[in-house]
Amino acid sequence: MTFSMDNSLNEVLTLAGPMIRLFMPKELAALIPEAYRDVPMKEWADGFLMPWGLPFPAADFVQDANRVRNAQQYWDLVPLWDPEHFTVETNDLHSVALMVPKLTFEGVRPAVLICPGGGYENISFHSEGLETAARMAQRGWRPFILNYRFHPNRYPAPQTDLAFAIKYIRANAQAYRIDPQNLMILGYSAGGHLCASTTALRGEIDEALQKELERVRPELAGPYSRISMRPDQVCLCYPVISFLKEDHEPSFQALTGGNESLREHLSVEKQIDPDYPKTFVWTCADDSLVPPSNAERMDRALSEKQIPHLFRLYPQGEHGCSTGDGTSAAGWLDEMAAYMSI
């Protein structure tokens, strides 16, 4: 069957198959009132705001559901921690995976590992995942999308997932036809914090990853200990950076459970070192969810350490504008690609 706005949320979740949970995890579906879930989405979606102030993305959800029905035509889903017992139904080690679009390339390409946002409460796979992957592929990258752990998992679980994914991609560079020394990580919102913090705290994250590999995937512990988890470039899109002031408090609570001892430690502007990779960071001046001062602090911290970087503050686009279509941020992908020399 083909899904449309005439279907209810529950119909799609029941009939689209388990992979739909990547796009509508149980934690996200629980935010929709019971009274709406069996009603055609066209009757309520436009007028229903999610807790972060944006309308429920029903049209995108329907599009994703139709893609999922024919998932094997579009992408591979590669489990990381537990290939034998992999499931997308949980939010734990069993569900961590890379989405790898089935794209045919000539020659060897640079890689980009995309971390969608979601406040460490869920993952926004459509606009900040699939759409971004398509645009990056058009510009010459081989894209990967990370399904990482989020609330109630705590730091450093998401960061460890990202570090594992970086090493996995490099370990399989020949199979994926990518350059292991030209790997960028790209994150939106809380996914931006995930990328920025994993890079800044790479020493302790690498140590945490090694311990987890020895416990869960001991066959990889030795080989992966010799692979760097430092990305070659970083792209941060309207990122959460600081937890000290003008922060996005829900992200801090979801990532740490309110552990105040981590507030400064996970404020990335405090952790930049001279070996931080080349970075592109952007946000919109009218972002009412994650204050633009987060990206501005990252800009200042990178400048203080003389890290090559480019910062762009676009006038209009609000939070969650993703590829920037229809906003003043519409050119960010081209600016970033030019700066990263792609």
Foldseek 3Di string as FASTA:
>chain_A
DADDLQAFQVVLPVPLDQVLCQQVAPLNVVQDDPVRRRGRNVVPQVPDAGPLGHTDPVHLSSVVSRCSSVVVQFWDKAQQQCPPQAGCNDQDSNDKTKTFTPDDDPAAFAAEEFFADDLLRHGNCGLRNPVVCVVVVVLTHRYMYIDFHGPVEAPPRRLLSLLSVLLVCLVCCVVSRYDNQRYEYEYEAQGLLSQLQCQLPVVVSLVVNLVSCCVRPVVCNVVSNPGDSHHQEYEYELYQAAQPPLGQVSSVCTHHVPPPVCRHVSRSLNRDALPRHEYEYEYECPAPRRHPVSSVSVVVSCVVSVHHYHYYYFHDQYGPNRCVPPGSCVCVVVVVCVSSVD
